[in-house]
Amino acid sequence: MSQLLSLLQTLTEKELAELDNLRLIGKEKLVFDYTKRFRDKELPDIPEVAEALKLTESHYYKINSILLRKAYTTLVPQQGTELLQFLKRKNLFNLLRHEILFQDKKLIAKLSATEQEKFFLICFHYLIDLPYKYYDKKLIGAFGRKYIDSRKDGSESDELYIKFHTLFADLNRLAAKKNPGKFLHVTPEELLKYEKELEGSKHYLATYYLYRSICSYYSYYDKQPEKVLEYIKKAMLLKDKIAFFFPIDISLFLHLLYADALFTNNNIEEAENIYNKAFEQGVDENIYGYYFHCEQYILVSIIRKKFNQARELLDKVFQPCINNRLDIYATRGSMCFVKFYLSTGDLKKALAYLNIAKVNNEKTFYLPFDVQLRVLENIYFFLKKDYDFSYQLANRNIKFLKSQEQTDIFENYLMLWKNIIGMLNAIMKKSPMNTELINDYNFLNKHYTNLYCGLLEKMYEQTEKEVK
């Protein structure tokens, strides 16, 4: 896909209309009008495009670059970091990365020392927040170094801040890999050692990101929700010391993090109260983890059977991500839709979004999503009463988990699929569920209510009806 087309596909009609006034010369109008025709469909391969336009491929690419720059100038006349923010808001991550490199090479010399420091820090933040597919650790390290070197009064605090913010990003990034523990380069003992070293210091930002790193460790590698809550509380105590550093309301953000942790720990009512206040106050798209917070609030709404509220947020936040195929956000949103439609009983629409989610996750593989999708597929066929295929899927998924090098973090999923097999056996044999099966179900239903919105309970109730 051409970079120009990537931009055009994300523009509103009003923004697109602004480009009607572009001053185009030579073959530029021909290329622009041709590209615009493919906003809603697949662009042919570049050789075919070049032939249709009677251009060489190199000339086509050159014109695309010129058009892209002209479009940027029209849409964001201020250019600079305002353009970076525009590209981030549009989730144009590849264009954002290219523009950072362009501005670093072409525009940095025009900035004052103070402006350069601000620029490098903004770039570091944008790069470190890129989704897994676009994450470039070497580039992040380079801009972290540029930021430190640009600081007139650079200190140990700056070095430690970059170190622990990068550690935090690494822990999150590695969680997206297959067998994530295999690539983990930090132990809980080391994290606690870092905490002791920072204890009582004034390295507040470093300490904050260390706490966030510990939260990520106990979220993804050694699931201990109570530890996550403990360290978020510690981070919240630092909010007044670090607020100056963030362009967002850090207090609101930390409250959302706390609500996320409560929800993960199945404190649903307490989490809902915090979410309600936060979203009534207004959660801006620029808040860190915006899509994740929205997803969690949608799941809370589904569990509390506030379906209109859930659907409104799904349509507003995630349908555009799905329409624009925004990688992990599209997968996250599609799974939300699956859970919504399974909960409301619309199995046809649930299957449609399940297929969308599976295709998206194949392109940008994220293991936790893959496991979730396997569960949702099993639930779909169970609720559809295709018990034979649901049984086959459960056995296949158990084999899949056992093939993973790190099975300990999936221990409860093994129990989950064995429990589904137990329910299916009860249905097929028309025999009541035994005590062990019921006890395992009660544990799993409590453990996974937040993630699967009470869908395990729907399967249990269906099993009870079938065996009567």
Protein backbone atom coordinates (compact mmCIF):
# COMPACT_ATOMS: atom_id res chain seq x y z
CA MET A 1 0.00 0.00 0.00
CA SER A 2 1.25 3.50 -0.82
CA GLN A 3 1.89 5.90 2.06
CA LEU A 4 -0.45 8.41 0.46
CA LEU A 5 -3.28 5.87 0.36
CA SER A 6 -2.65 4.98 4.03
CA LEU A 7 -3.22 8.63 4.89
CA LEU A 8 -6.26 9.10 2.64
CA GLN A 9 -8.00 6.05 4.14
CA THR A 10 -8.00 7.61 7.63
CA LEU A 11 -9.25 11.09 6.68
CA THR A 12 -12.72 12.38 7.43
CA GLU A 13 -14.77 13.85 4.58
CA LYS A 14 -13.98 17.33 5.90
CA GLU A 15 -10.23 16.62 5.93
CA LEU A 16 -10.43 15.06 2.49
CA ALA A 17 -12.19 18.17 1.19
CA GLU A 18 -9.26 20.28 2.43
CA LEU A 19 -7.02 18.43 -0.02
CA ASP A 20 -9.14 19.58 -2.96
CA ASN A 21 -7.19 22.84 -2.80
CA LEU A 22 -3.78 21.18 -3.22
CA ARG A 23 -1.63 22.83 -5.87
CA LEU A 24 -0.74 19.90 -8.07
CA ILE A 25 1.58 20.05 -11.07
CA GLY A 26 2.61 17.65 -13.80
CA LYS A 27 1.56 14.07 -13.08
CA GLU A 28 0.71 14.83 -9.43
CA LYS A 29 -3.03 15.28 -10.03
CA LEU A 30 -3.16 12.06 -12.05
CA VAL A 31 -1.51 10.07 -9.21
CA PHE A 32 -3.59 11.78 -6.51
CA ASP A 33 -6.93 11.15 -8.26
CA TYR A 34 -5.97 7.55 -9.06
CA THR A 35 -4.94 6.85 -5.45
CA LYS A 36 -8.08 8.47 -4.06
CA ARG A 37 -10.21 5.99 -6.03
CA PHE A 38 -8.83 3.16 -3.89
CA ARG A 39 -9.77 4.54 -0.46
CA ASP A 40 -12.32 1.76 0.00
CA LYS A 41 -10.68 -1.07 -1.90
CA GLU A 42 -7.36 -2.81 -2.43
CA LEU A 43 -4.72 -0.92 -4.40
CA PRO A 44 -3.24 -3.02 -7.25
CA ASP A 45 0.41 -4.04 -7.10
CA ILE A 46 2.80 -1.14 -7.72
CA PRO A 47 4.02 -2.38 -11.15
CA GLU A 48 0.39 -2.50 -12.29
CA VAL A 49 -0.27 0.99 -10.86
CA ALA A 50 2.82 2.41 -12.55
CA GLU A 51 1.81 0.89 -15.87
CA ALA A 52 -1.74 2.27 -15.59
CA LEU A 53 -0.35 5.75 -14.91
CA LYS A 54 2.34 5.47 -17.60
CA LEU A 55 5.09 6.10 -15.05
CA THR A 56 8.23 4.30 -13.98
CA GLU A 57 8.01 2.82 -10.48
CA SER A 58 10.68 5.21 -9.17
CA HIS A 59 8.81 8.21 -10.60
CA TYR A 60 5.57 6.94 -9.03
CA TYR A 61 7.23 6.64 -5.60
CA LYS A 62 8.74 10.12 -5.94
CA ILE A 63 5.37 11.68 -6.77
CA ASN A 64 3.78 9.84 -3.84
CA SER A 65 6.35 11.36 -1.49
CA ILE A 66 5.70 14.85 -2.85
CA LEU A 67 1.93 14.42 -2.55
CA LEU A 68 2.25 13.11 0.99
CA ARG A 69 4.30 16.15 2.02
CA LYS A 70 1.81 18.52 0.37
CA ALA A 71 -1.07 16.78 2.15
CA TYR A 72 0.76 17.08 5.49
CA THR A 73 1.31 20.81 4.93
CA THR A 74 -2.38 21.34 4.17
CA LEU A 75 -3.76 19.20 7.01
CA VAL A 76 -1.24 20.30 9.67
CA PRO A 77 0.23 23.68 8.67
CA GLN A 78 2.25 23.90 11.92
CA GLN A 79 4.17 20.70 10.95
CA GLY A 80 6.74 19.63 13.60
CA THR A 81 5.45 17.76 16.64
CA GLU A 82 1.85 18.76 15.78
CA LEU A 83 2.19 16.59 12.66
CA LEU A 84 3.57 13.72 14.76
CA GLN A 85 0.58 14.00 17.07
CA PHE A 86 -1.79 14.02 14.06
CA LEU A 87 -0.24 10.80 12.69
CA LYS A 88 -0.38 9.15 16.11
CA ARG A 89 -4.04 10.11 16.53
CA LYS A 90 -4.78 8.58 13.13
CA ASN A 91 -2.89 5.40 14.16
CA LEU A 92 -0.63 5.80 11.12
CA PHE A 93 2.27 4.16 12.87
CA ASN A 94 4.46 3.50 9.83
CA LEU A 95 4.06 7.11 8.66
CA LEU A 96 4.73 8.32 12.20
CA ARG A 97 8.03 6.44 12.34
CA HIS A 98 9.09 7.79 8.93
CA GLU A 99 8.15 11.35 9.89
CA ILE A 100 10.15 11.16 13.12
CA LEU A 101 13.23 10.16 11.13
CA PHE A 102 12.52 12.87 8.54
CA GLN A 103 12.18 15.63 11.14
CA ASP A 104 15.27 14.43 13.02
CA LYS A 105 17.29 14.70 9.82
CA LYS A 106 15.79 17.77 8.13
CA LEU A 107 14.32 20.01 10.84
CA ILE A 108 16.26 19.45 14.07
CA ALA A 109 18.97 22.03 13.25
CA LYS A 110 16.31 24.79 13.16
CA LEU A 111 15.27 24.13 16.78
CA SER A 112 16.66 25.77 19.90
CA ALA A 113 18.34 23.63 22.57
CA THR A 114 15.15 23.60 24.64
CA GLU A 115 13.04 22.70 21.61
CA GLN A 116 15.43 19.89 20.68
CA GLU A 117 15.16 18.40 24.17
CA LYS A 118 11.35 18.50 23.94
CA PHE A 119 11.43 17.03 20.42
CA PHE A 120 13.64 14.07 21.37
CA LEU A 121 11.51 13.27 24.41
CA ILE A 122 8.28 13.37 22.38
CA CYS A 123 9.84 11.10 19.75
CA PHE A 124 11.05 8.69 22.43
CA HIS A 125 7.51 8.52 23.85
CA TYR A 126 5.88 7.98 20.47
CA LEU A 127 8.38 5.29 19.47
CA ILE A 128 8.15 3.42 22.75
CA ASP A 129 4.34 3.39 22.54
CA LEU A 130 4.20 1.94 19.02
CA PRO A 131 2.33 -1.38 18.71
CA TYR A 132 4.37 -4.58 18.68
CA LYS A 133 4.53 -4.80 14.86
CA TYR A 134 6.26 -1.41 14.60
CA TYR A 135 8.38 -1.57 17.76
CA ASP A 136 12.06 -0.82 17.06
CA LYS A 137 14.17 -1.17 20.19
CA LYS A 138 17.34 0.11 18.50
CA LEU A 139 15.58 3.30 17.38
CA ILE A 140 14.02 3.77 20.82
CA GLY A 141 17.47 3.48 22.39
CA ALA A 142 18.87 6.03 19.92
CA PHE A 143 16.22 8.63 20.74
CA GLY A 144 16.51 7.93 24.45
CA ARG A 145 20.22 8.72 24.12
CA LYS A 146 19.49 11.85 22.06
CA TYR A 147 17.13 13.05 24.79
CA ILE A 148 19.70 12.49 27.56
CA ASP A 149 22.48 14.20 25.56
CA SER A 150 20.23 17.19 24.77
CA ARG A 151 19.55 17.85 28.45
CA LYS A 152 21.51 20.90 29.58
CA ASP A 153 21.56 19.62 33.15
CA GLY A 154 21.46 15.89 32.41
CA SER A 155 21.57 13.72 35.50
CA GLU A 156 21.45 10.18 36.81
CA SER A 157 17.66 10.57 37.04
CA ASP A 158 17.45 10.99 33.26
CA GLU A 159 19.54 7.87 32.65
CA LEU A 160 17.44 5.84 35.10
CA TYR A 161 14.19 7.15 33.63
CA ILE A 162 15.16 5.97 30.12
CA LYS A 163 16.36 2.64 31.51
CA PHE A 164 13.16 1.80 33.37
CA HIS A 165 10.74 3.20 30.80
CA THR A 166 12.48 0.97 28.24
CA LEU A 167 12.29 -2.00 30.62
CA PHE A 168 8.55 -1.38 31.04
CA ALA A 169 8.06 -1.29 27.25
CA ASP A 170 10.14 -4.46 26.80
CA LEU A 171 8.08 -6.41 29.33
CA ASN A 172 4.90 -5.43 27.50
CA ARG A 173 6.37 -6.11 24.06
CA LEU A 174 7.72 -9.56 24.94
CA ALA A 175 4.30 -10.62 26.22
CA ALA A 176 3.16 -10.57 22.57
CA LYS A 177 5.66 -13.26 21.55
CA LYS A 178 5.19 -17.00 21.53
CA ASN A 179 6.72 -18.47 24.71
CA PRO A 180 7.33 -14.97 26.15
CA GLY A 181 9.14 -16.23 29.25
CA LYS A 182 11.89 -17.63 27.04
CA PHE A 183 12.88 -14.10 26.01
CA LEU A 184 12.47 -12.45 29.39
CA HIS A 185 15.74 -10.90 30.53
CA VAL A 186 14.76 -9.81 34.04
CA THR A 187 13.82 -11.80 37.14
CA PRO A 188 11.50 -10.81 40.01
CA GLU A 189 14.57 -10.79 42.26
CA GLU A 190 16.21 -8.19 40.01
CA LEU A 191 13.06 -6.07 39.98
CA LEU A 192 12.96 -6.09 43.79
CA LYS A 193 16.70 -5.26 43.86
CA TYR A 194 16.05 -2.23 41.63
CA GLU A 195 13.23 -1.19 43.93
CA LYS A 196 15.50 -1.30 46.97
CA GLU A 197 18.17 0.73 45.14
CA LEU A 198 15.64 3.45 44.28
CA GLU A 199 14.03 3.45 47.72
CA GLY A 200 14.15 6.89 49.29
CA SER A 201 15.69 8.49 46.21
CA LYS A 202 14.35 11.45 44.26
CA HIS A 203 14.42 9.52 40.99
CA TYR A 204 10.64 9.72 40.88
CA LEU A 205 10.11 8.97 37.16
CA ALA A 206 12.48 6.01 37.26
CA THR A 207 10.69 4.68 40.33
CA TYR A 208 7.30 5.16 38.65
CA TYR A 209 8.34 3.15 35.58
CA LEU A 210 9.93 0.49 37.74
CA TYR A 211 6.60 0.10 39.58
CA ARG A 212 4.84 -0.12 36.21
CA SER A 213 7.39 -2.76 35.11
CA ILE A 214 6.65 -4.82 38.20
CA CYS A 215 2.93 -4.52 37.45
CA SER A 216 3.56 -5.82 33.91
CA TYR A 217 5.64 -8.69 35.26
CA TYR A 218 2.85 -9.81 37.59
CA SER A 219 0.26 -9.29 34.85
CA TYR A 220 1.91 -11.26 32.05
CA TYR A 221 4.60 -13.57 33.42
CA ASP A 222 3.56 -14.54 36.93
CA LYS A 223 -0.12 -13.69 37.30
CA GLN A 224 -0.59 -12.21 40.76
CA PRO A 225 -3.37 -9.56 40.59
CA GLU A 226 -2.87 -8.56 44.21
CA LYS A 227 0.75 -7.62 43.42
CA VAL A 228 -0.44 -5.50 40.50
CA LEU A 229 -2.84 -3.64 42.80
CA GLU A 230 -0.07 -3.18 45.37
CA TYR A 231 2.33 -1.57 42.90
CA ILE A 232 -0.28 0.60 41.20
CA LYS A 233 -1.05 2.01 44.64
CA LYS A 234 2.66 2.73 45.07
CA ALA A 235 2.72 4.46 41.68
CA MET A 236 -0.31 6.55 42.65
CA LEU A 237 1.60 7.94 45.62
CA LEU A 238 4.08 9.47 43.14
CA LYS A 239 1.53 11.28 40.99
CA ASP A 240 2.19 14.77 42.40
CA LYS A 241 5.95 14.30 41.93
CA ILE A 242 5.67 13.28 38.27
CA ALA A 243 2.58 15.14 36.98
CA PHE A 244 4.74 17.90 35.39
CA PHE A 245 6.29 15.34 33.05
CA PHE A 246 3.10 14.08 31.40
CA PRO A 247 0.91 15.79 28.79
CA ILE A 248 -2.11 13.93 30.16
CA ASP A 249 -3.96 13.90 33.48
CA ILE A 250 -1.74 11.35 35.22
CA SER A 251 -4.13 11.08 38.15
CA LEU A 252 -6.99 10.05 35.85
CA PHE A 253 -4.71 7.62 34.05
CA LEU A 254 -3.59 5.95 37.28
CA HIS A 255 -7.20 5.63 38.42
CA LEU A 256 -7.99 3.87 35.14
CA LEU A 257 -5.03 1.54 35.71
CA TYR A 258 -6.33 0.79 39.17
CA ALA A 259 -9.79 0.06 37.77
CA ASP A 260 -8.20 -2.27 35.18
CA ALA A 261 -6.38 -4.15 37.94
CA LEU A 262 -9.54 -4.39 40.07
CA PHE A 263 -11.47 -5.73 37.10
CA THR A 264 -8.75 -8.29 36.35
CA ASN A 265 -9.05 -9.37 39.98
CA ASN A 266 -12.85 -9.67 39.53
CA ASN A 267 -13.67 -6.72 41.79
CA ILE A 268 -16.19 -5.77 39.14
CA GLU A 269 -18.48 -3.42 41.04
CA GLU A 270 -15.57 -1.39 42.47
CA ALA A 271 -13.95 -1.23 39.02
CA GLU A 272 -17.24 -0.12 37.43
CA ASN A 273 -17.58 2.79 39.84
CA ILE A 274 -14.12 4.09 38.90
CA TYR A 275 -14.75 3.60 35.17
CA ASN A 276 -18.09 5.41 35.37
CA LYS A 277 -16.51 8.46 37.00
CA ALA A 278 -13.57 8.46 34.60
CA PHE A 279 -15.63 8.17 31.42
CA GLU A 280 -18.17 10.70 32.67
CA GLN A 281 -15.25 13.07 33.28
CA GLY A 282 -14.00 12.29 29.77
CA VAL A 283 -11.25 9.89 28.69
CA ASP A 284 -9.28 11.50 25.89
CA GLU A 285 -7.91 9.46 22.95
CA ASN A 286 -4.41 10.60 23.92
CA ILE A 287 -4.58 8.89 27.33
CA TYR A 288 -2.03 6.08 27.53
CA GLY A 289 -3.60 2.68 26.85
CA TYR A 290 -6.80 4.31 25.57
CA TYR A 291 -8.01 1.23 23.66
CA PHE A 292 -7.31 -1.14 26.53
CA HIS A 293 -9.22 1.04 29.03
CA CYS A 294 -12.14 1.26 26.60
CA GLU A 295 -12.09 -2.51 26.13
CA GLN A 296 -12.19 -3.11 29.86
CA TYR A 297 -15.06 -0.68 30.36
CA ILE A 298 -16.98 -2.37 27.52
CA LEU A 299 -16.48 -5.79 29.16
CA VAL A 300 -17.66 -4.40 32.51
CA SER A 301 -20.75 -3.01 30.77
CA ILE A 302 -21.46 -6.39 29.13
CA ILE A 303 -21.13 -8.22 32.45
CA ARG A 304 -23.46 -5.70 34.12
CA LYS A 305 -25.85 -6.17 31.14
CA LYS A 306 -25.61 -2.51 30.14
CA PHE A 307 -25.63 -3.55 26.51
CA ASN A 308 -26.57 -0.17 25.01
CA GLN A 309 -23.63 1.44 26.79
CA ALA A 310 -21.29 -1.32 25.59
CA ARG A 311 -22.54 -1.12 22.00
CA GLU A 312 -22.19 2.66 21.86
CA LEU A 313 -18.54 2.48 22.92
CA LEU A 314 -17.86 -0.45 20.57
CA ASP A 315 -19.20 1.48 17.59
CA LYS A 316 -17.38 4.68 18.54
CA VAL A 317 -13.97 3.26 19.49
CA PHE A 318 -13.43 -0.13 17.89
CA GLN A 319 -15.47 -0.30 14.69
CA PRO A 320 -13.20 2.34 13.05
CA CYS A 321 -10.14 0.28 14.10
CA ILE A 322 -11.68 -2.79 12.46
CA ASN A 323 -12.64 -0.88 9.32
CA ASN A 324 -9.08 0.47 8.99
CA ARG A 325 -7.47 -2.90 9.91
CA LEU A 326 -5.44 -1.38 12.73
CA ASP A 327 -3.61 -4.56 13.74
CA ILE A 328 -3.83 -5.30 17.45
CA TYR A 329 -6.55 -2.67 18.05
CA ALA A 330 -8.71 -4.29 15.37
CA THR A 331 -8.19 -7.70 17.00
CA ARG A 332 -8.99 -6.32 20.45
CA GLY A 333 -12.13 -4.65 19.15
CA SER A 334 -13.28 -7.71 17.19
CA MET A 335 -12.98 -9.89 20.29
CA CYS A 336 -15.05 -7.36 22.22
CA PHE A 337 -17.76 -7.61 19.56
CA VAL A 338 -17.63 -11.43 19.78
CA LYS A 339 -18.16 -11.32 23.54
CA PHE A 340 -20.95 -8.77 23.11
CA TYR A 341 -22.85 -10.86 20.56
CA LEU A 342 -22.31 -14.16 22.39
CA SER A 343 -23.68 -12.47 25.52
CA THR A 344 -26.71 -11.06 23.68
CA GLY A 345 -27.36 -14.32 21.82
CA ASP A 346 -26.64 -13.15 18.26
CA LEU A 347 -24.46 -16.10 17.23
CA LYS A 348 -24.37 -15.15 13.54
CA LYS A 349 -22.76 -11.76 14.23
CA ALA A 350 -20.51 -13.33 16.88
CA LEU A 351 -19.10 -15.71 14.24
CA ALA A 352 -18.57 -12.86 11.75
CA TYR A 353 -16.45 -10.90 14.24
CA LEU A 354 -14.68 -14.06 15.41
CA ASN A 355 -13.47 -14.65 11.85
CA ILE A 356 -12.35 -11.01 11.55
CA ALA A 357 -10.40 -11.30 14.82
CA LYS A 358 -8.70 -14.54 13.74
CA VAL A 359 -7.56 -13.04 10.42
CA ASN A 360 -6.22 -9.92 12.17
CA ASN A 361 -4.32 -11.91 14.78
CA GLU A 362 -2.71 -14.11 12.15
CA LYS A 363 -1.14 -10.98 10.63
CA THR A 364 0.14 -9.56 13.92
CA PHE A 365 0.36 -12.60 16.18
CA TYR A 366 -0.21 -12.03 19.88
CA LEU A 367 -0.29 -15.24 21.92
CA PRO A 368 -2.73 -14.11 24.68
CA PHE A 369 -5.20 -13.08 21.96
CA ASP A 370 -4.71 -16.40 20.17
CA VAL A 371 -5.64 -18.29 23.35
CA GLN A 372 -8.67 -16.04 23.91
CA LEU A 373 -9.84 -16.62 20.34
CA ARG A 374 -9.57 -20.37 20.80
CA VAL A 375 -11.77 -20.14 23.89
CA LEU A 376 -14.32 -17.90 22.16
CA GLU A 377 -14.49 -20.28 19.19
CA ASN A 378 -15.11 -23.18 21.58
CA ILE A 379 -17.84 -21.22 23.37
CA TYR A 380 -19.47 -20.26 20.05
CA PHE A 381 -19.82 -23.88 18.87
CA PHE A 382 -20.93 -24.97 22.35
CA LEU A 383 -23.71 -22.36 22.48
CA LYS A 384 -24.64 -23.24 18.88
CA LYS A 385 -25.10 -26.82 20.15
CA ASP A 386 -22.53 -28.21 17.72
CA TYR A 387 -21.24 -30.38 20.53
CA ASP A 388 -19.16 -32.78 18.42
CA PHE A 389 -17.09 -29.98 16.90
CA SER A 390 -16.82 -28.15 20.23
CA TYR A 391 -15.44 -31.39 21.71
CA GLN A 392 -12.87 -31.67 18.89
CA LEU A 393 -11.81 -28.06 19.38
CA ALA A 394 -11.31 -28.48 23.13
CA ASN A 395 -9.04 -31.50 22.61
CA ARG A 396 -7.15 -29.71 19.85
CA ASN A 397 -6.63 -26.67 22.07
CA ILE A 398 -5.31 -28.79 24.94
CA LYS A 399 -2.72 -30.25 22.57
CA PHE A 400 -1.83 -26.74 21.40
CA LEU A 401 -1.20 -25.53 24.96
CA LYS A 402 0.85 -28.58 25.86
CA SER A 403 3.05 -27.89 22.82
CA GLN A 404 4.00 -24.49 24.22
CA GLU A 405 7.34 -24.35 26.03
CA GLN A 406 5.90 -22.32 28.88
CA THR A 407 2.70 -24.04 29.97
CA ASP A 408 2.58 -22.85 33.58
CA ILE A 409 1.01 -19.48 32.69
CA PHE A 410 -1.75 -21.39 30.83
CA GLU A 411 -2.48 -23.85 33.63
CA ASN A 412 -6.00 -22.52 34.17
CA TYR A 413 -6.70 -22.72 30.44
CA LEU A 414 -5.91 -26.42 30.49
CA MET A 415 -8.44 -26.76 33.29
CA LEU A 416 -10.91 -24.63 31.29
CA TRP A 417 -10.82 -26.84 28.21
CA LYS A 418 -10.99 -29.99 30.33
CA ASN A 419 -14.05 -28.48 32.02
CA ILE A 420 -15.66 -27.83 28.62
CA ILE A 421 -14.95 -31.45 27.68
CA GLY A 422 -16.55 -32.52 30.99
CA MET A 423 -19.70 -30.51 30.23
CA LEU A 424 -19.82 -31.96 26.71
CA ASN A 425 -19.46 -35.49 28.05
CA ALA A 426 -22.32 -34.83 30.47
CA ILE A 427 -24.50 -33.58 27.60
CA MET A 428 -23.68 -36.44 25.25
CA LYS A 429 -24.19 -39.07 27.97
CA LYS A 430 -27.23 -37.26 29.38
CA SER A 431 -25.75 -37.61 32.86
CA PRO A 432 -25.54 -34.96 35.62
CA MET A 433 -22.24 -33.20 36.18
CA ASN A 434 -20.15 -34.68 39.00
CA THR A 435 -18.92 -32.73 42.03
CA GLU A 436 -15.35 -32.32 40.73
CA LEU A 437 -16.63 -30.88 37.44
CA ILE A 438 -18.92 -28.44 39.27
CA ASN A 439 -16.14 -27.34 41.64
CA ASP A 440 -13.77 -26.73 38.72
CA TYR A 441 -16.49 -24.77 36.92
CA ASN A 442 -17.11 -22.58 40.00
CA PHE A 443 -13.38 -21.79 40.21
CA LEU A 444 -13.09 -21.04 36.47
CA ASN A 445 -16.27 -18.96 36.33
CA LYS A 446 -14.98 -16.77 39.14
CA HIS A 447 -11.49 -16.58 37.63
CA TYR A 448 -12.61 -15.74 34.09
CA THR A 449 -15.77 -13.68 34.61
CA ASN A 450 -13.88 -10.51 33.70
CA LEU A 451 -12.35 -11.89 30.50
CA TYR A 452 -15.27 -13.91 29.15
CA CYS A 453 -18.18 -11.84 30.48
CA GLY A 454 -19.99 -14.70 32.23
CA LEU A 455 -20.10 -16.85 29.07
CA LEU A 456 -18.90 -19.88 31.03
CA GLU A 457 -22.06 -19.53 33.11
CA LYS A 458 -24.14 -19.63 29.91
CA MET A 459 -22.46 -22.92 28.96
CA TYR A 460 -23.04 -24.33 32.45
CA GLU A 461 -26.74 -23.42 32.37
CA GLN A 462 -27.06 -24.92 28.87
CA THR A 463 -25.45 -28.13 30.14
CA GLU A 464 -27.90 -28.34 33.06
CA LYS A 465 -30.84 -27.99 30.67
CA GLU A 466 -29.47 -30.61 28.28
CA VAL A 467 -28.92 -33.28 30.93
CA LYS A 468 -32.38 -32.95 32.51
